[in-house]
C-alpha atoms as a PDB file:
ATOM      1  CA  MET A   1     233.569  48.384  63.002  1.00  0.00           C
ATOM      2  CA  LYS A   2     236.178  50.079  65.306  1.00  0.00           C
ATOM      3  CA  THR A   3     237.296  53.910  64.277  1.00  0.00           C
ATOM      4  CA  PRO A   4     241.268  53.924  64.183  1.00  0.00           C
ATOM      5  CA  GLN A   5     242.623  56.026  66.917  1.00  0.00           C
ATOM      6  CA  PRO A   6     245.554  58.405  66.273  1.00  0.00           C
ATOM      7  CA  TRP A   7     248.974  57.050  67.362  1.00  0.00           C
ATOM      8  CA  SER A   8     249.607  60.588  69.152  1.00  0.00           C
ATOM      9  CA  ASP A   9     246.529  60.182  71.178  1.00  0.00           C
ATOM     10  CA  LEU A  10     247.434  56.720  72.420  1.00  0.00           C
ATOM     11  CA  CYS A  11     250.745  57.519  73.035  1.00  0.00           C
ATOM     12  CA  ARG A  12     249.555  60.653  75.402  1.00  0.00           C
ATOM     13  CA  SER A  13     247.114  58.452  76.948  1.00  0.00           C
ATOM     14  CA  SER A  14     247.712  57.090  80.692  1.00  0.00           C
ATOM     15  CA  GLU A  15     246.229  53.730  79.712  1.00  0.00           C
ATOM     16  CA  PHE A  16     248.693  52.953  77.113  1.00  0.00           C
ATOM     17  CA  ALA A  17     251.836  54.863  78.150  1.00  0.00           C
ATOM     18  CA  GLY A  18     254.746  52.697  78.630  1.00  0.00           C
ATOM     19  CA  MET A  19     253.273  49.766  77.478  1.00  0.00           C
ATOM     20  CA  TRP A  20     253.547  47.363  74.248  1.00  0.00           C
ATOM     21  CA  VAL A  21     250.309  48.081  71.968  1.00  0.00           C
ATOM     22  CA  ALA A  22     249.156  45.477  69.239  1.00  0.00           C
ATOM     23  CA  LEU A  23     247.528  47.489  66.447  1.00  0.00           C
ATOM     24  CA  ASP A  24     245.391  46.118  63.673  1.00  0.00           C
ATOM     25  CA  ASN A  25     244.817  48.223  60.387  1.00  0.00           C
ATOM     26  CA  CYS A  26     248.101  50.238  61.471  1.00  0.00           C
ATOM     27  CA  ARG A  27     248.691  52.922  59.069  1.00  0.00           C
ATOM     28  CA  PHE A  28     252.321  54.185  58.801  1.00  0.00           C
ATOM     29  CA  ASP A  29     253.934  57.472  57.577  1.00  0.00           C
ATOM     30  CA  CYS A  30     255.803  56.696  54.438  1.00  0.00           C
ATOM     31  CA  GLU A  31     258.872  58.758  55.622  1.00  0.00           C
ATOM     32  CA  THR A  32     259.481  58.089  59.002  1.00  0.00           C
ATOM     33  CA  ARG A  33     258.010  54.352  59.050  1.00  0.00           C
ATOM     34  CA  GLN A  34     256.148  55.651  62.190  1.00  0.00           C
ATOM     35  CA  PRO A  35     252.832  54.691  63.130  1.00  0.00           C
ATOM     36  CA  ILE A  36     249.790  57.106  62.576  1.00  0.00           C
ATOM     37  CA  GLU A  37     247.095  55.365  63.600  1.00  0.00           C
ATOM     38  CA  GLY A  38     245.215  51.912  64.459  1.00  0.00           C
ATOM     39  CA  ASP A  39     242.838  49.875  65.905  1.00  0.00           C
ATOM     40  CA  VAL A  40     244.127  48.609  69.688  1.00  0.00           C
ATOM     41  CA  VAL A  41     243.809  44.985  69.773  1.00  0.00           C
ATOM     42  CA  ASP A  42     245.637  44.168  72.918  1.00  0.00           C
ATOM     43  CA  SER A  43     248.770  45.863  75.314  1.00  0.00           C
ATOM     44  CA  ASP A  44     250.866  44.603  78.010  1.00  0.00           C
ATOM     45  CA  SER A  45     254.020  46.237  79.732  1.00  0.00           C
ATOM     46  CA  ASP A  46     255.233  42.693  78.812  1.00  0.00           C
ATOM     47  CA  LEU A  47     256.455  42.220  75.339  1.00  0.00           C
ATOM     48  CA  ALA A  48     256.777  38.324  75.594  1.00  0.00           C
ATOM     49  CA  ALA A  49     253.160  38.066  77.137  1.00  0.00           C
ATOM     50  CA  LEU A  50     251.648  40.266  74.632  1.00  0.00           C
ATOM     51  CA  CYS A  51     253.313  38.277  71.699  1.00  0.00           C
ATOM     52  CA  GLY A  52     252.093  34.982  73.269  1.00  0.00           C
ATOM     53  CA  ARG A  53     248.539  36.178  73.526  1.00  0.00           C
ATOM     54  CA  MET A  54     248.752  37.625  69.909  1.00  0.00           C
ATOM     55  CA  ARG A  55     250.038  34.033  68.875  1.00  0.00           C
ATOM     56  CA  GLU A  56     247.190  32.244  70.840  1.00  0.00           C
ATOM     57  CA  THR A  57     244.427  34.190  69.117  1.00  0.00           C
ATOM     58  CA  ARG A  58     246.164  33.774  65.775  1.00  0.00           C
ATOM     59  CA  ARG A  59     246.442  37.432  64.946  1.00  0.00           C
ATOM     60  CA  ALA A  60     249.942  37.324  63.168  1.00  0.00           C
ATOM     61  CA  ASN A  61     249.369  40.396  61.152  1.00  0.00           C
ATOM     62  CA  CYS A  62     249.086  43.166  63.810  1.00  0.00           C
ATOM     63  CA  ALA A  63     251.910  45.694  64.304  1.00  0.00           C
ATOM     64  CA  ILE A  64     253.220  45.923  67.944  1.00  0.00           C
ATOM     65  CA  VAL A  65     254.776  49.011  68.965  1.00  0.00           C
ATOM     66  CA  PHE A  66     256.149  50.675  71.996  1.00  0.00           C
ATOM     67  CA  CYS A  67     253.957  53.673  73.087  1.00  0.00           C
ATOM     68  CA  ASP A  68     255.921  56.379  74.957  1.00  0.00           C
ATOM     69  CA  ASP A  69     255.259  59.862  74.907  1.00  0.00           C
ATOM     70  CA  GLU A  70     257.557  60.827  72.179  1.00  0.00           C
ATOM     71  CA  VAL A  71     255.634  61.229  68.929  1.00  0.00           C
ATOM     72  CA  LEU A  72     257.554  61.725  65.825  1.00  0.00           C
ATOM     73  CA  VAL A  73     254.645  61.929  63.368  1.00  0.00           C
ATOM     74  CA  GLU A  74     251.483  63.622  63.873  1.00  0.00           C
ATOM     75  CA  SER A  75     248.081  62.578  61.973  1.00  0.00           C
ATOM     76  CA  ARG A  76     247.909  65.019  58.939  1.00  0.00           C
ATOM     77  CA  ARG A  77     244.055  64.512  58.316  1.00  0.00           C
ATOM     78  CA  SER A  78     242.295  67.596  56.758  1.00  0.00           C
ATOM     79  CA  SER A  79     238.852  68.324  56.138  1.00  0.00           C
ATOM     80  CA  VAL A  80     239.962  70.321  52.813  1.00  0.00           C
ATOM     81  CA  PRO A  81     240.166  67.943  50.066  1.00  0.00           C
ATOM     82  CA  PRO A  82     243.706  67.859  48.083  1.00  0.00           C
ATOM     83  CA  PRO A  83     243.651  69.999  44.924  1.00  0.00           C
ATOM     84  CA  THR A  84     242.541  68.851  41.640  1.00  0.00           C
ATOM     85  CA  LEU A  85     245.191  68.506  38.983  1.00  0.00           C
ATOM     86  CA  ARG A  86     244.169  70.028  35.437  1.00  0.00           C
ATOM     87  CA  VAL A  87     245.729  68.790  32.243  1.00  0.00           C
ATOM     88  CA  ASN A  88     245.464  70.810  29.444  1.00  0.00           C
ATOM     89  CA  ALA A  89     245.408  68.354  26.393  1.00  0.00           C
ATOM     90  CA  GLY A  90     246.933  69.278  23.073  1.00  0.00           C
ATOM     91  CA  ARG A  91     249.119  72.089  23.962  1.00  0.00           C
END
């Protein structure tokens, strides 16, 4: 199983900069609708060529996004667990 790559890392990499990238298991930011991370399936500078290959391989559920150096959303993963809600019953 692949480890999803952060979108910010993909955009800043020389391998994908200026390319159309097909992402599987893509996770998006709820507010901005920008990608946060995903598994790179394929990439190409020609959108039509990338879409053609995706169609040939029957990968219809991938997100295809353009990779530039402007990252609008950074991954917000933290090693600190979220706070636990405490409910006082009967009060």
